[in-house]
Protein backbone atom coordinates (compact mmCIF):
# COMPACT_ATOMS: atom_id res chain seq x y z
CA UNK A 1 -11.68 -14.58 -22.97
CA UNK A 2 -14.20 -11.90 -21.95
CA UNK A 3 -12.14 -10.95 -18.90
CA UNK A 4 -8.96 -10.64 -20.96
CA UNK A 5 -10.74 -8.62 -23.65
CA UNK A 6 -12.41 -6.24 -21.20
CA UNK A 7 -9.20 -5.79 -19.23
CA UNK A 8 -7.20 -4.88 -22.32
CA UNK A 9 -10.01 -2.70 -23.66
CA UNK A 10 -10.30 -0.71 -20.42
CA UNK A 11 -6.54 -0.26 -20.21
CA UNK A 12 -6.44 0.80 -23.87
CA UNK A 13 -9.36 3.23 -23.43
CA UNK A 14 -7.80 4.81 -20.35
CA UNK A 15 -4.49 5.04 -22.16
CA UNK A 16 -6.07 6.74 -25.17
CA UNK A 17 -8.00 9.19 -23.00
CA UNK A 18 -4.90 10.00 -20.97
CA UNK A 19 -2.79 10.37 -24.08
CA UNK A 20 -5.29 12.67 -25.80
CA UNK A 21 -5.61 14.82 -22.69
CA UNK A 22 -1.86 14.99 -22.22
CA UNK A 23 -1.22 15.84 -25.86
CA UNK A 24 -3.93 18.51 -25.78
CA UNK A 25 -2.44 20.17 -22.71
CA UNK A 26 1.10 19.92 -24.02
CA UNK A 27 0.31 21.40 -27.40
CA UNK A 28 -1.90 24.08 -25.86
CA UNK A 29 0.96 25.09 -23.58
CA UNK A 30 3.46 25.09 -26.44
CA UNK A 31 1.21 26.86 -28.97
CA UNK A 32 -0.61 29.18 -26.59
CA UNK A 33 1.10 32.36 -27.74
CA UNK A 34 0.82 31.63 -31.51
CA UNK A 35 -2.83 30.59 -31.11
CA UNK A 36 -3.61 33.68 -29.09
CA UNK A 37 -2.02 35.88 -31.74
CA UNK A 38 -3.90 34.03 -34.48
CA UNK A 39 -7.30 34.46 -32.82
CA UNK A 40 -6.55 38.07 -31.92
CA UNK A 41 -5.83 38.84 -35.57
CA UNK A 42 -8.98 37.00 -36.65
CA UNK A 43 -11.23 39.20 -34.47
CA UNK A 44 -9.22 42.39 -34.73
CA UNK A 45 -11.18 43.77 -37.70
CA UNK A 46 -14.71 43.44 -36.26
CA UNK A 47 -13.45 44.71 -32.89
CA UNK A 48 -11.88 47.80 -34.47
CA UNK A 49 -15.10 48.55 -36.39
CA UNK A 50 -17.24 48.25 -33.27
CA UNK A 51 -14.90 50.37 -31.11
CA UNK A 52 -14.85 53.13 -33.76
CA UNK A 53 -18.63 53.20 -33.85
CA UNK A 54 -18.99 53.31 -30.07
CA UNK A 55 -16.19 55.74 -29.16
CA UNK A 56 -18.02 59.03 -29.94
CA UNK A 57 -20.89 58.27 -27.53
CA UNK A 58 -21.26 58.28 -23.77
CA UNK A 59 -21.97 55.16 -21.71
CA UNK A 60 -25.75 55.24 -22.06
CA UNK A 61 -25.72 55.94 -25.78
CA UNK A 62 -23.07 53.25 -26.33
CA UNK A 63 -25.45 50.68 -24.79
CA UNK A 64 -28.22 51.79 -27.14
CA UNK A 65 -25.94 51.74 -30.15
CA UNK A 66 -24.64 48.28 -29.21
CA UNK A 67 -28.18 46.92 -29.05
CA UNK A 68 -28.77 48.23 -32.52
CA UNK A 69 -25.60 46.67 -33.86
CA UNK A 70 -26.07 43.27 -32.16
CA UNK A 71 -28.49 41.81 -34.78
CA UNK A 72 -25.93 42.47 -37.55
CA UNK A 73 -23.10 40.50 -35.87
CA UNK A 74 -22.90 36.75 -35.24
CA UNK A 75 -21.20 37.58 -31.95
CA UNK A 76 -22.26 38.24 -28.35
CA UNK A 77 -21.59 41.93 -27.68
CA UNK A 78 -21.78 43.69 -24.32
CA UNK A 79 -20.24 46.54 -22.39
CA UNK A 80 -18.37 45.64 -19.19
CA UNK A 81 -16.55 47.52 -16.44
CA UNK A 82 -12.81 46.95 -16.13
CA UNK A 83 -13.02 46.59 -12.34
CA UNK A 84 -15.47 43.68 -12.66
CA UNK A 85 -13.13 41.68 -14.90
CA UNK A 86 -10.19 41.42 -12.52
CA UNK A 87 -7.65 42.16 -15.23
CA UNK A 88 -4.09 41.01 -14.76
CA UNK A 89 -1.10 43.25 -15.31
CA UNK A 90 -0.45 41.65 -18.66
CA UNK A 91 -4.05 42.17 -19.77
CA UNK A 92 -3.96 45.79 -18.63
CA UNK A 93 -0.80 46.30 -20.66
CA UNK A 94 -2.46 44.82 -23.74
CA UNK A 95 -5.45 47.12 -23.40
CA UNK A 96 -3.16 50.09 -22.88
CA UNK A 97 -1.49 49.29 -26.21
CA UNK A 98 -4.91 48.98 -27.94
CA UNK A 99 -4.64 45.19 -28.28
CA UNK A 100 -7.36 42.67 -27.64
CA UNK A 101 -7.36 40.59 -24.46
CA UNK A 102 -8.10 36.92 -25.27
CA UNK A 103 -9.88 34.80 -22.66
CA UNK A 104 -11.81 31.55 -22.11
CA UNK A 105 -9.82 29.40 -24.52
CA UNK A 106 -9.92 31.95 -27.33
CA UNK A 107 -13.71 32.45 -27.22
CA UNK A 108 -13.88 35.89 -25.51
CA UNK A 109 -12.14 39.09 -26.65
CA UNK A 110 -12.03 42.33 -24.66
CA UNK A 111 -11.27 45.66 -26.36
CA UNK A 112 -10.61 49.13 -24.94
CA UNK A 113 -12.93 51.82 -26.28
CA UNK A 114 -11.34 55.07 -25.11
CA UNK A 115 -8.82 53.95 -22.44
CA UNK A 116 -11.58 54.42 -19.88
CA UNK A 117 -13.12 51.97 -17.41
CA UNK A 118 -15.77 50.83 -19.89
CA UNK A 119 -14.68 47.95 -22.16
CA UNK A 120 -16.22 46.01 -25.02
CA UNK A 121 -16.62 42.25 -24.60
CA UNK A 122 -16.91 40.17 -27.76
CA UNK A 123 -17.76 36.47 -27.36
CA UNK A 124 -17.90 33.87 -30.07
CA UNK A 125 -21.21 32.02 -30.32
CA UNK A 126 -21.48 28.79 -28.34
CA UNK A 127 -20.86 25.53 -30.08
CA UNK A 128 -24.19 24.08 -31.29
CA UNK A 129 -25.46 21.02 -29.41
CA UNK A 130 -25.62 19.10 -32.67
CA UNK A 131 -21.86 19.46 -33.04
CA UNK A 132 -21.39 18.02 -29.55
CA UNK A 133 -23.67 15.16 -30.49
CA UNK A 134 -21.60 14.45 -33.57
CA UNK A 135 -18.41 14.66 -31.48
CA UNK A 136 -19.75 12.16 -28.93
CA UNK A 137 -20.97 9.91 -31.74
CA UNK A 138 -17.55 10.04 -33.37
CA UNK A 139 -15.84 9.03 -30.12
CA UNK A 140 -18.31 6.20 -29.59
CA UNK A 141 -17.73 5.02 -33.15
CA UNK A 142 -13.98 5.21 -32.60
CA UNK A 143 -14.33 3.20 -29.38
CA UNK A 144 -16.37 0.56 -31.22
CA UNK A 145 -13.78 0.29 -33.99
CA UNK A 146 -11.00 -0.04 -31.43
CA UNK A 147 -13.01 -2.73 -29.63
CA UNK A 148 -13.53 -4.70 -32.85
CA UNK A 149 -9.86 -4.46 -33.77
CA UNK A 150 -8.85 -5.46 -30.24
CA UNK A 151 -11.22 -8.44 -30.30
CA UNK A 152 -9.70 -9.82 -33.49
CA UNK A 153 -6.26 -9.29 -31.97
CA UNK A 154 -7.10 -10.96 -28.65
CA UNK A 155 -9.01 -13.93 -30.09
CA UNK A 156 -6.01 -15.85 -31.57
CA UNK A 157 -3.94 -15.13 -28.46
CA UNK A 158 -6.71 -16.44 -26.23
CA UNK A 159 -7.17 -19.50 -28.43
CA UNK A 160 -3.46 -20.35 -28.19
CA UNK A 161 -3.37 -19.72 -24.44
CA UNK A 162 -6.43 -21.92 -23.97
CA UNK A 163 -4.71 -24.71 -25.89
CA UNK A 164 -1.68 -24.29 -23.63
CA UNK A 165 -3.90 -24.46 -20.53
CA UNK A 166 -5.65 -27.61 -21.75
CA UNK A 167 -2.33 -29.26 -22.61
CA UNK A 168 -0.95 -28.41 -19.17
CA UNK A 169 -4.14 -29.74 -17.56
CA UNK A 170 -3.91 -33.03 -19.47
CA UNK A 171 -0.24 -33.30 -18.55
CA UNK A 172 -1.09 -32.68 -14.91
CA UNK A 173 -3.76 -35.42 -15.10
CA UNK A 174 -1.03 -37.96 -15.95
CA UNK A 175 -1.40 -37.77 -19.74
CA UNK A 176 2.34 -37.45 -20.29
CA UNK A 177 1.94 -37.57 -24.08
CA UNK A 178 0.11 -34.21 -24.09
CA UNK A 179 1.79 -31.77 -26.47
CA UNK A 180 0.99 -28.34 -27.87
CA UNK A 181 0.80 -27.76 -31.63
CA UNK A 182 0.38 -24.14 -32.67
CA UNK A 183 0.56 -22.23 -35.92
CA UNK A 184 3.89 -20.74 -36.94
CA UNK A 185 2.23 -17.33 -36.78
CA UNK A 186 1.35 -17.78 -33.10
CA UNK A 187 2.95 -15.28 -30.75
CA UNK A 188 3.40 -17.93 -28.07
CA UNK A 189 4.91 -20.54 -30.37
CA UNK A 190 8.26 -20.29 -28.59
CA UNK A 191 6.53 -20.86 -25.25
CA UNK A 192 4.75 -23.87 -26.72
CA UNK A 193 8.06 -25.31 -27.90
CA UNK A 194 9.53 -24.91 -24.42
CA UNK A 195 6.47 -26.64 -22.96
CA UNK A 196 6.82 -29.52 -25.41
CA UNK A 197 10.52 -29.96 -24.63
CA UNK A 198 9.78 -29.89 -20.90
CA UNK A 199 6.96 -32.41 -21.30
CA UNK A 200 9.15 -34.73 -23.39
CA UNK A 201 11.94 -34.59 -20.85
CA UNK A 202 9.60 -35.27 -17.93
CA UNK A 203 7.91 -38.10 -19.82
CA UNK A 204 11.31 -39.65 -20.53
CA UNK A 205 12.47 -39.34 -16.95
CA UNK A 206 9.27 -40.85 -15.58
CA UNK A 207 9.36 -43.64 -18.16
CA UNK A 208 12.93 -44.46 -17.18
CA UNK A 209 12.01 -44.46 -13.52
CA UNK A 210 9.04 -46.71 -14.14
CA UNK A 211 11.11 -49.11 -16.19
CA UNK A 212 13.73 -49.25 -13.48
CA UNK A 213 11.17 -49.82 -10.74
CA UNK A 214 9.32 -52.48 -12.69
CA UNK A 215 12.56 -54.12 -13.76
CA UNK A 216 13.81 -54.35 -10.19
CA UNK A 217 10.50 -55.79 -9.04
CA UNK A 218 10.15 -58.38 -11.80
CA UNK A 219 13.80 -59.35 -11.91
CA UNK A 220 13.78 -60.09 -8.19
CA UNK A 221 10.81 -62.41 -8.45
CA UNK A 222 12.79 -65.02 -10.39
CA UNK A 223 15.61 -65.56 -7.85
CA UNK A 224 13.05 -65.40 -5.05
CA UNK A 225 11.04 -68.20 -6.63
CA UNK A 226 14.21 -70.20 -7.22
CA UNK A 227 15.40 -69.64 -3.65
CA UNK A 228 12.02 -70.71 -2.31
CA UNK A 229 12.17 -73.93 -4.32
CA UNK A 230 15.71 -74.67 -3.15
CA UNK A 231 14.72 -74.05 0.46
CA UNK A 232 11.87 -76.51 0.18
CA UNK A 233 14.20 -79.13 -1.26
CA UNK A 234 16.79 -78.48 1.42
CA UNK A 235 14.20 -78.71 4.15
CA UNK A 236 12.96 -82.05 2.87
CA UNK A 237 16.43 -83.53 2.59
CA UNK A 238 18.01 -82.84 6.00
CA UNK A 239 16.14 -80.30 8.15
CA UNK A 240 17.85 -81.21 11.42
CA UNK A 241 21.36 -80.18 10.40
CA UNK A 242 20.37 -77.17 8.36
CA UNK A 243 17.59 -75.71 10.48
CA UNK A 244 19.46 -72.53 11.45
CA UNK A 245 20.61 -71.95 7.89
CA UNK A 246 17.14 -72.58 6.58
CA UNK A 247 15.68 -70.10 9.07
CA UNK A 248 18.12 -67.41 7.93
CA UNK A 249 17.34 -68.11 4.31
CA UNK A 250 13.64 -67.92 4.96
CA UNK A 251 14.19 -64.61 6.75
CA UNK A 252 16.08 -63.31 3.74
CA UNK A 253 13.32 -64.59 1.53
CA UNK A 254 10.70 -62.81 3.61
CA UNK A 255 12.68 -59.61 3.40
CA UNK A 256 12.95 -59.90 -0.38
CA UNK A 257 9.24 -60.58 -0.67
CA UNK A 258 8.50 -57.53 1.45
CA UNK A 259 10.78 -55.38 -0.68
CA UNK A 260 9.13 -56.55 -3.89
CA UNK A 261 5.71 -55.88 -2.41
CA UNK A 262 6.82 -52.38 -1.38
CA UNK A 263 8.28 -51.77 -4.83
CA UNK A 264 5.15 -52.86 -6.65
CA UNK A 265 2.91 -50.82 -4.38
CA UNK A 266 5.13 -47.76 -4.74
CA UNK A 267 5.29 -48.10 -8.54
CA UNK A 268 1.52 -48.56 -8.72
CA UNK A 269 0.88 -45.40 -6.72
CA UNK A 270 3.55 -43.41 -8.52
CA UNK A 271 2.16 -43.69 -12.05
CA UNK A 272 -1.50 -43.73 -11.07
CA UNK A 273 -2.25 -47.31 -12.04
CA UNK A 274 -4.07 -47.81 -8.73
CA UNK A 275 -7.41 -46.08 -8.28
CA UNK A 276 -7.90 -44.69 -4.78
CA UNK A 277 -11.44 -45.61 -3.72
CA UNK A 278 -12.14 -44.08 -0.35
CA UNK A 279 -14.38 -45.62 2.26
CA UNK A 280 -15.85 -44.13 5.41
CA UNK A 281 -14.80 -46.30 8.35
CA UNK A 282 -14.70 -46.16 12.14
CA UNK A 283 -11.49 -44.40 13.04
CA UNK A 284 -10.80 -45.98 16.44
CA UNK A 285 -11.36 -49.57 15.27
CA UNK A 286 -9.18 -49.03 12.22
CA UNK A 287 -6.37 -47.48 14.27
CA UNK A 288 -6.58 -50.34 16.81
CA UNK A 289 -6.19 -52.92 14.06
CA UNK A 290 -3.24 -51.06 12.55
CA UNK A 291 -1.44 -50.83 15.89
CA UNK A 292 -2.25 -54.46 16.58
CA UNK A 293 -0.50 -55.44 13.35
CA UNK A 294 2.85 -54.30 14.75
CA UNK A 295 2.30 -55.12 18.43
CA UNK A 296 4.42 -58.28 18.31
CA UNK A 297 7.25 -56.45 16.57
CA UNK A 298 7.17 -53.74 19.22
CA UNK A 299 7.17 -56.32 22.02
CA UNK A 300 10.11 -58.17 20.47
CA UNK A 301 12.04 -54.90 20.25
CA UNK A 302 11.22 -53.99 23.85
CA UNK A 303 9.21 -50.96 22.79
CA UNK A 304 5.88 -49.94 24.26
CA UNK A 305 3.43 -48.73 21.62
CA UNK A 306 0.38 -46.74 22.67
CA UNK A 307 -2.56 -44.95 21.08
CA UNK A 308 -2.29 -41.53 22.64
CA UNK A 309 -5.45 -40.03 21.10
CA UNK A 310 -8.13 -40.72 18.52
CA UNK A 311 -10.16 -37.55 18.20
CA UNK A 312 -12.08 -38.61 15.10
CA UNK A 313 -15.11 -40.87 14.93
CA UNK A 314 -15.07 -41.64 11.21
CA UNK A 315 -12.51 -41.09 8.45
CA UNK A 316 -12.69 -41.31 4.68
CA UNK A 317 -9.68 -43.24 3.35
CA UNK A 318 -8.56 -46.10 1.15
CA UNK A 319 -8.17 -48.53 4.08
CA UNK A 320 -5.58 -50.89 2.61
CA UNK A 321 -3.07 -48.29 1.43
CA UNK A 322 -3.55 -46.00 4.39
CA UNK A 323 -3.07 -48.91 6.80
CA UNK A 324 0.09 -49.85 4.93
CA UNK A 325 1.39 -46.29 5.26
CA UNK A 326 0.67 -46.05 9.00
CA UNK A 327 2.22 -49.50 9.60
CA UNK A 328 5.36 -48.31 7.82
CA UNK A 329 5.48 -45.27 10.09
CA UNK A 330 5.03 -47.45 13.17
CA UNK A 331 7.67 -49.95 12.07
CA UNK A 332 10.05 -47.12 11.38
CA UNK A 333 9.42 -45.70 14.85
CA UNK A 334 9.79 -49.13 16.53
CA UNK A 335 13.06 -49.70 14.70
CA UNK A 336 14.65 -46.56 16.15
CA UNK A 337 12.79 -46.08 19.45
CA UNK A 338 14.45 -46.65 22.80
CA UNK A 339 11.38 -47.53 24.87
CA UNK A 340 8.15 -46.07 23.55
CA UNK A 341 6.13 -45.08 20.51
CA UNK A 342 2.88 -43.13 20.53
CA UNK A 343 0.37 -42.73 17.71
CA UNK A 344 -2.48 -40.21 17.44
CA UNK A 345 -5.27 -39.57 14.94
CA UNK A 346 -6.54 -35.98 15.06
CA UNK A 347 -8.58 -33.53 13.04
CA UNK A 348 -6.55 -30.67 11.54
CA UNK A 349 -8.47 -27.93 9.72
CA UNK A 350 -10.45 -29.55 6.91
CA UNK A 351 -8.52 -32.82 7.02
CA UNK A 352 -6.97 -35.47 9.24
CA UNK A 353 -3.51 -36.18 10.58
CA UNK A 354 -1.77 -39.27 11.94
CA UNK A 355 1.08 -38.46 14.33
CA UNK A 356 3.72 -41.06 15.23
CA UNK A 357 6.25 -40.05 17.91
CA UNK A 358 9.24 -42.01 19.19
CA UNK A 359 12.03 -41.44 21.68
CA UNK A 360 14.85 -42.51 19.38
CA UNK A 361 17.75 -40.51 17.99
CA UNK A 362 15.56 -38.33 15.76
CA UNK A 363 16.16 -37.21 12.19
CA UNK A 364 18.74 -34.52 11.35
CA UNK A 365 17.26 -31.39 9.81
CA UNK A 366 19.29 -31.76 6.61
CA UNK A 367 17.91 -35.26 6.05
CA UNK A 368 14.21 -34.64 6.69
CA UNK A 369 13.33 -34.37 3.01
CA UNK A 370 15.74 -37.00 1.79
CA UNK A 371 14.27 -39.83 3.87
CA UNK A 372 11.03 -39.71 1.87
CA UNK A 373 12.85 -40.48 -1.39
CA UNK A 374 12.89 -44.15 -2.51
CA UNK A 375 16.02 -46.12 -1.59
CA UNK A 376 17.41 -43.20 0.40
CA UNK A 377 19.11 -43.68 3.77
CA UNK A 378 20.73 -41.44 6.30
CA UNK A 379 24.38 -41.87 7.18
CA UNK A 380 23.97 -41.03 10.87
CA UNK A 381 21.78 -42.64 13.52
CA UNK A 382 19.11 -43.95 11.16
CA UNK A 383 21.17 -46.14 8.81
CA UNK A 384 21.27 -49.62 7.27
CA UNK A 385 22.21 -51.29 10.55
CA UNK A 386 18.66 -50.88 11.78
CA UNK A 387 17.21 -52.70 8.76
CA UNK A 388 14.76 -51.70 6.03
CA UNK A 389 15.43 -50.93 2.41
CA UNK A 390 14.45 -47.29 1.98
CA UNK A 391 10.97 -47.74 0.53
CA UNK A 392 8.70 -47.53 3.58
CA UNK A 393 8.71 -43.76 4.00
CA UNK A 394 8.62 -43.19 0.24
CA UNK A 395 5.46 -45.28 0.17
CA UNK A 396 4.04 -43.23 3.05
CA UNK A 397 4.54 -40.05 1.07
CA UNK A 398 2.89 -41.52 -2.03
CA UNK A 399 -0.12 -42.73 -0.07
CA UNK A 400 -0.49 -39.33 1.59
CA UNK A 401 -0.23 -37.54 -1.76
CA UNK A 402 -2.79 -39.87 -3.32
CA UNK A 403 -5.19 -38.76 -0.57
CA UNK A 404 -4.46 -35.08 -1.22
CA UNK A 405 -2.10 -34.63 1.71
CA UNK A 406 1.55 -34.71 2.71
CA UNK A 407 3.96 -36.12 5.28
CA UNK A 408 6.66 -34.39 7.28
CA UNK A 409 9.01 -35.12 10.14
CA UNK A 410 9.92 -32.91 13.09
CA UNK A 411 11.25 -33.43 16.60
CA UNK A 412 9.09 -35.25 19.12
CA UNK A 413 8.62 -34.13 22.70
CA UNK A 414 11.16 -36.76 23.83
CA UNK A 415 13.84 -35.67 21.37
CA UNK A 416 13.12 -38.39 18.83
CA UNK A 417 11.24 -38.17 15.54
CA UNK A 418 7.66 -37.02 15.09
CA UNK A 419 6.12 -38.06 11.76
CA UNK A 420 2.93 -36.29 10.75
CA UNK A 421 0.95 -37.65 7.81
CA UNK A 422 -2.02 -35.54 6.80
CA UNK A 423 -4.67 -35.96 4.14
CA UNK A 424 -7.63 -34.00 2.90
CA UNK A 425 -11.24 -34.69 3.72
CA UNK A 426 -13.55 -35.60 0.84
CA UNK A 427 -17.18 -34.57 1.10
């Protein structure tokens, strides 16, 4: 609040000072002639009296007479030479017509005595220092009053903005029920209403998505359990004649189980039900175990999988979820690769990055964001014929985000896809 208050106060003070200065100059320019005439008329009488008393004498006697008159006038009187004043043509014309020349913001008046070079200078007394003190005090008092008024104006605005910030912070921390309730007199009430409508809509959309994800997962478990039971019964009855069919059914069952597992993991990460507890582990051993998990799949597909580089000694991750994400990247690469897949673990800036490159058909530019959405597939080279159910890469993105990172896909050096999953380091 202090920063907001001081910022507004400084802007307001500068604005007032600029406005006062501008108004003063504008009105001075507009009213210069009337003010000059007014002040000339105000001093004309004393000036005429002094000139009449000094005119009969010569220069020396005039100085003596002026010294004698000075104590009786509340003015500064002195004799000056016209050449020393640098008179303008207008001022010379005024003196020629026996009019006073007004100078120094109407505080000095110059009168002609006998149309000669010697002139009479009449100056008003200087403003007393006490008056300046009172002027400064008045401005300080005015500034204090403005500051008090501004404080009471800023305080309710700041209070409402702080409530909005806290509500947005709670909403960002997965408290989707966070709402903002402000007084009807609040100046940001309309903004609060827009925030509440936005929050309600987002909460509804996320709730629907969660319900759908959970429904798919739980609804699939029942037929899977039933299919598993039927397979066991079929296997016990006549396994010799139905072995091939049973193998296909078990493969389908395994695929369904994998999909349900992916769905549950994805849903858990999406709504924050799973707490990410990081551990510091040996990077090379962990990467070896992850690659080893898919070695048989790569061999069966005729794809060579290699660890190209591991430039990190230790990493801080949630081992289970991060291994699942990297395995999904490797399986995706094996599925589309022609002959080889390479994986690297490197340090990038203040974080880490896993790079998985393949020599397959690659990912079209227009589909590089879509493939990270759940249940999304591309219609070109990477389609349903190669298997999968559109959750692996979505899970990769969620795991990366839960570690404070991101995942992206570009072209590999062989023309295939290069997936780069990064995450932030935690001290």
